[in-house]
Amino acid sequence: MRKFLVVYEKTKTGYSSYVPDLPGVIATGKTKEKVEKNIFEAIQFHLQGLKEEKLPIPKPQAESEVLVFAVN
């Protein structure tokens, strides 16, 4: 079992997402729920491909933190 950081970004037409520890794994969707479903499927597909090719699954390295700043 591995946990991967997923970054979600609001766009003009919906949402996009990517996984910093899995380069090339991206997804989009018109709603947050749709992009969440799409990125989950993209991660599964990518990991299955690595497994079939007998390539190592990367260990998660990315971390996140929310910093709060006062803006005057």
N, C-alpha and C. Protein backbone atom coordinates (compact mmCIF):
# COMPACT_ATOMS: atom_id res chain seq x y z
N MET A 1 0.85 -1.18 0.00
CA MET A 1 0.00 0.00 0.00
C MET A 1 0.89 1.23 0.00
N ARG A 2 0.64 2.14 -0.92
CA ARG A 2 1.39 3.40 -1.00
C ARG A 2 0.42 4.56 -1.06
N LYS A 3 0.86 5.69 -0.55
CA LYS A 3 0.08 6.92 -0.62
C LYS A 3 0.85 7.90 -1.49
N PHE A 4 0.16 8.49 -2.47
CA PHE A 4 0.78 9.47 -3.35
C PHE A 4 0.06 10.81 -3.21
N LEU A 5 0.83 11.88 -3.15
CA LEU A 5 0.28 13.21 -3.11
C LEU A 5 -0.34 13.54 -4.46
N VAL A 6 -1.56 14.04 -4.46
CA VAL A 6 -2.24 14.49 -5.67
C VAL A 6 -2.49 15.99 -5.51
N VAL A 7 -2.11 16.76 -6.52
CA VAL A 7 -2.32 18.20 -6.51
C VAL A 7 -3.50 18.52 -7.42
N TYR A 8 -4.47 19.26 -6.89
CA TYR A 8 -5.64 19.69 -7.66
C TYR A 8 -5.55 21.19 -7.89
N GLU A 9 -5.89 21.59 -9.11
CA GLU A 9 -5.89 23.01 -9.43
C GLU A 9 -7.18 23.38 -10.15
N LYS A 10 -7.78 24.48 -9.75
CA LYS A 10 -8.97 25.00 -10.43
C LYS A 10 -8.53 25.65 -11.72
N THR A 11 -9.23 25.38 -12.81
CA THR A 11 -8.93 25.98 -14.11
C THR A 11 -10.14 26.77 -14.59
N LYS A 12 -10.02 27.41 -15.73
CA LYS A 12 -11.15 28.16 -16.28
C LYS A 12 -12.31 27.25 -16.67
N THR A 13 -11.99 26.00 -17.00
CA THR A 13 -13.04 25.09 -17.49
C THR A 13 -13.35 23.94 -16.53
N GLY A 14 -12.72 23.91 -15.38
CA GLY A 14 -12.96 22.82 -14.43
C GLY A 14 -11.80 22.65 -13.49
N TYR A 15 -11.23 21.44 -13.49
CA TYR A 15 -10.12 21.12 -12.60
C TYR A 15 -9.07 20.30 -13.33
N SER A 16 -7.83 20.41 -12.87
CA SER A 16 -6.75 19.54 -13.34
C SER A 16 -6.06 18.97 -12.12
N SER A 17 -5.35 17.88 -12.32
CA SER A 17 -4.64 17.26 -11.21
C SER A 17 -3.39 16.55 -11.74
N TYR A 18 -2.42 16.40 -10.85
CA TYR A 18 -1.21 15.66 -11.19
C TYR A 18 -0.62 15.05 -9.93
N VAL A 19 0.30 14.11 -10.15
CA VAL A 19 0.94 13.39 -9.05
C VAL A 19 2.45 13.64 -9.16
N PRO A 20 3.01 14.47 -8.28
CA PRO A 20 4.43 14.82 -8.39
C PRO A 20 5.38 13.61 -8.42
N ASP A 21 5.04 12.55 -7.72
CA ASP A 21 5.93 11.38 -7.67
C ASP A 21 5.74 10.42 -8.84
N LEU A 22 4.76 10.69 -9.69
CA LEU A 22 4.52 9.85 -10.87
C LEU A 22 4.46 10.76 -12.09
N PRO A 23 5.62 11.16 -12.61
CA PRO A 23 5.66 12.09 -13.74
C PRO A 23 4.79 11.60 -14.90
N GLY A 24 4.02 12.52 -15.45
CA GLY A 24 3.16 12.19 -16.58
C GLY A 24 1.77 11.75 -16.19
N VAL A 25 1.54 11.49 -14.91
CA VAL A 25 0.21 11.08 -14.46
C VAL A 25 -0.58 12.35 -14.16
N ILE A 26 -1.52 12.66 -15.06
CA ILE A 26 -2.34 13.85 -14.95
C ILE A 26 -3.78 13.50 -15.27
N ALA A 27 -4.70 14.37 -14.90
CA ALA A 27 -6.10 14.18 -15.24
C ALA A 27 -6.80 15.53 -15.19
N THR A 28 -7.93 15.60 -15.88
CA THR A 28 -8.76 16.79 -15.86
C THR A 28 -10.21 16.38 -15.66
N GLY A 29 -11.04 17.34 -15.34
CA GLY A 29 -12.46 17.08 -15.20
C GLY A 29 -13.22 18.37 -15.01
N LYS A 30 -14.48 18.36 -15.40
CA LYS A 30 -15.30 19.57 -15.26
C LYS A 30 -15.64 19.87 -13.80
N THR A 31 -15.67 18.83 -12.95
CA THR A 31 -15.97 19.01 -11.53
C THR A 31 -14.85 18.40 -10.71
N LYS A 32 -14.79 18.78 -9.44
CA LYS A 32 -13.78 18.21 -8.54
C LYS A 32 -13.99 16.70 -8.41
N GLU A 33 -15.24 16.27 -8.33
CA GLU A 33 -15.53 14.84 -8.21
C GLU A 33 -15.04 14.07 -9.44
N LYS A 34 -15.22 14.67 -10.63
CA LYS A 34 -14.80 13.99 -11.86
C LYS A 34 -13.28 13.90 -11.95
N VAL A 35 -12.58 14.98 -11.60
CA VAL A 35 -11.13 14.93 -11.67
C VAL A 35 -10.56 13.96 -10.63
N GLU A 36 -11.20 13.86 -9.47
CA GLU A 36 -10.77 12.89 -8.46
C GLU A 36 -10.89 11.47 -9.00
N LYS A 37 -11.99 11.16 -9.64
CA LYS A 37 -12.20 9.84 -10.24
C LYS A 37 -11.16 9.59 -11.34
N ASN A 38 -10.96 10.59 -12.19
CA ASN A 38 -10.04 10.44 -13.31
C ASN A 38 -8.60 10.25 -12.85
N ILE A 39 -8.15 10.99 -11.83
CA ILE A 39 -6.77 10.84 -11.39
C ILE A 39 -6.57 9.50 -10.69
N PHE A 40 -7.57 9.04 -9.96
CA PHE A 40 -7.48 7.72 -9.33
C PHE A 40 -7.29 6.64 -10.40
N GLU A 41 -8.08 6.72 -11.47
CA GLU A 41 -7.96 5.76 -12.56
C GLU A 41 -6.61 5.88 -13.27
N ALA A 42 -6.12 7.12 -13.43
CA ALA A 42 -4.82 7.33 -14.07
C ALA A 42 -3.69 6.73 -13.25
N ILE A 43 -3.76 6.89 -11.93
CA ILE A 43 -2.75 6.31 -11.05
C ILE A 43 -2.78 4.78 -11.15
N GLN A 44 -3.97 4.21 -11.07
CA GLN A 44 -4.11 2.75 -11.16
C GLN A 44 -3.53 2.24 -12.48
N PHE A 45 -3.86 2.90 -13.57
CA PHE A 45 -3.37 2.51 -14.89
C PHE A 45 -1.85 2.57 -14.96
N HIS A 46 -1.29 3.66 -14.44
CA HIS A 46 0.17 3.84 -14.46
C HIS A 46 0.87 2.76 -13.62
N LEU A 47 0.37 2.52 -12.41
CA LEU A 47 1.00 1.52 -11.55
C LEU A 47 0.89 0.12 -12.15
N GLN A 48 -0.24 -0.18 -12.78
CA GLN A 48 -0.40 -1.49 -13.43
C GLN A 48 0.60 -1.63 -14.57
N GLY A 49 0.81 -0.56 -15.33
CA GLY A 49 1.80 -0.59 -16.41
C GLY A 49 3.21 -0.83 -15.89
N LEU A 50 3.56 -0.17 -14.78
CA LEU A 50 4.88 -0.40 -14.19
C LEU A 50 5.03 -1.85 -13.76
N LYS A 51 3.98 -2.38 -13.16
CA LYS A 51 4.01 -3.76 -12.68
C LYS A 51 4.19 -4.73 -13.85
N GLU A 52 3.43 -4.52 -14.93
CA GLU A 52 3.51 -5.40 -16.10
C GLU A 52 4.89 -5.35 -16.75
N GLU A 53 5.52 -4.18 -16.73
CA GLU A 53 6.85 -4.02 -17.31
C GLU A 53 7.96 -4.39 -16.33
N LYS A 54 7.54 -4.84 -15.14
CA LYS A 54 8.49 -5.22 -14.09
C LYS A 54 9.43 -4.06 -13.71
N LEU A 55 8.86 -2.87 -13.69
CA LEU A 55 9.59 -1.68 -13.28
C LEU A 55 9.23 -1.35 -11.85
N PRO A 56 10.15 -0.73 -11.11
CA PRO A 56 9.85 -0.42 -9.71
C PRO A 56 8.80 0.68 -9.58
N ILE A 57 7.98 0.54 -8.57
CA ILE A 57 7.01 1.57 -8.24
C ILE A 57 7.72 2.59 -7.36
N PRO A 58 7.73 3.85 -7.76
CA PRO A 58 8.47 4.86 -6.99
C PRO A 58 7.94 4.99 -5.57
N LYS A 59 8.85 5.23 -4.66
CA LYS A 59 8.44 5.51 -3.28
C LYS A 59 8.04 6.97 -3.22
N PRO A 60 6.92 7.26 -2.58
CA PRO A 60 6.48 8.65 -2.48
C PRO A 60 7.51 9.53 -1.78
N GLN A 61 7.77 10.68 -2.38
CA GLN A 61 8.73 11.64 -1.83
C GLN A 61 8.08 13.00 -1.57
N ALA A 62 7.05 13.32 -2.35
CA ALA A 62 6.43 14.65 -2.27
C ALA A 62 5.66 14.82 -0.97
N GLU A 63 5.73 16.03 -0.47
CA GLU A 63 4.97 16.41 0.72
C GLU A 63 4.27 17.72 0.42
N SER A 64 3.29 18.04 1.22
CA SER A 64 2.62 19.33 1.03
C SER A 64 2.36 19.98 2.38
N GLU A 65 2.18 21.27 2.30
CA GLU A 65 1.87 22.04 3.49
C GLU A 65 1.17 23.31 3.04
N VAL A 66 0.23 23.76 3.82
CA VAL A 66 -0.45 25.01 3.53
C VAL A 66 0.12 26.08 4.46
N LEU A 67 0.62 27.13 3.88
CA LEU A 67 1.16 28.25 4.65
C LEU A 67 0.15 29.39 4.59
N VAL A 68 -0.07 30.05 5.69
CA VAL A 68 -1.03 31.15 5.75
C VAL A 68 -0.27 32.45 5.92
N PHE A 69 -0.60 33.43 5.09
CA PHE A 69 0.04 34.73 5.13
C PHE A 69 -1.00 35.82 5.31
N ALA A 70 -0.67 36.81 6.09
CA ALA A 70 -1.52 37.99 6.21
C ALA A 70 -1.23 38.89 5.02
N VAL A 71 -2.26 39.30 4.34
CA VAL A 71 -2.12 40.19 3.19
C VAL A 71 -2.86 41.47 3.51
N ASN A 72 -2.13 42.57 3.49
CA ASN A 72 -2.74 43.86 3.83
C ASN A 72 -3.25 44.55 2.60
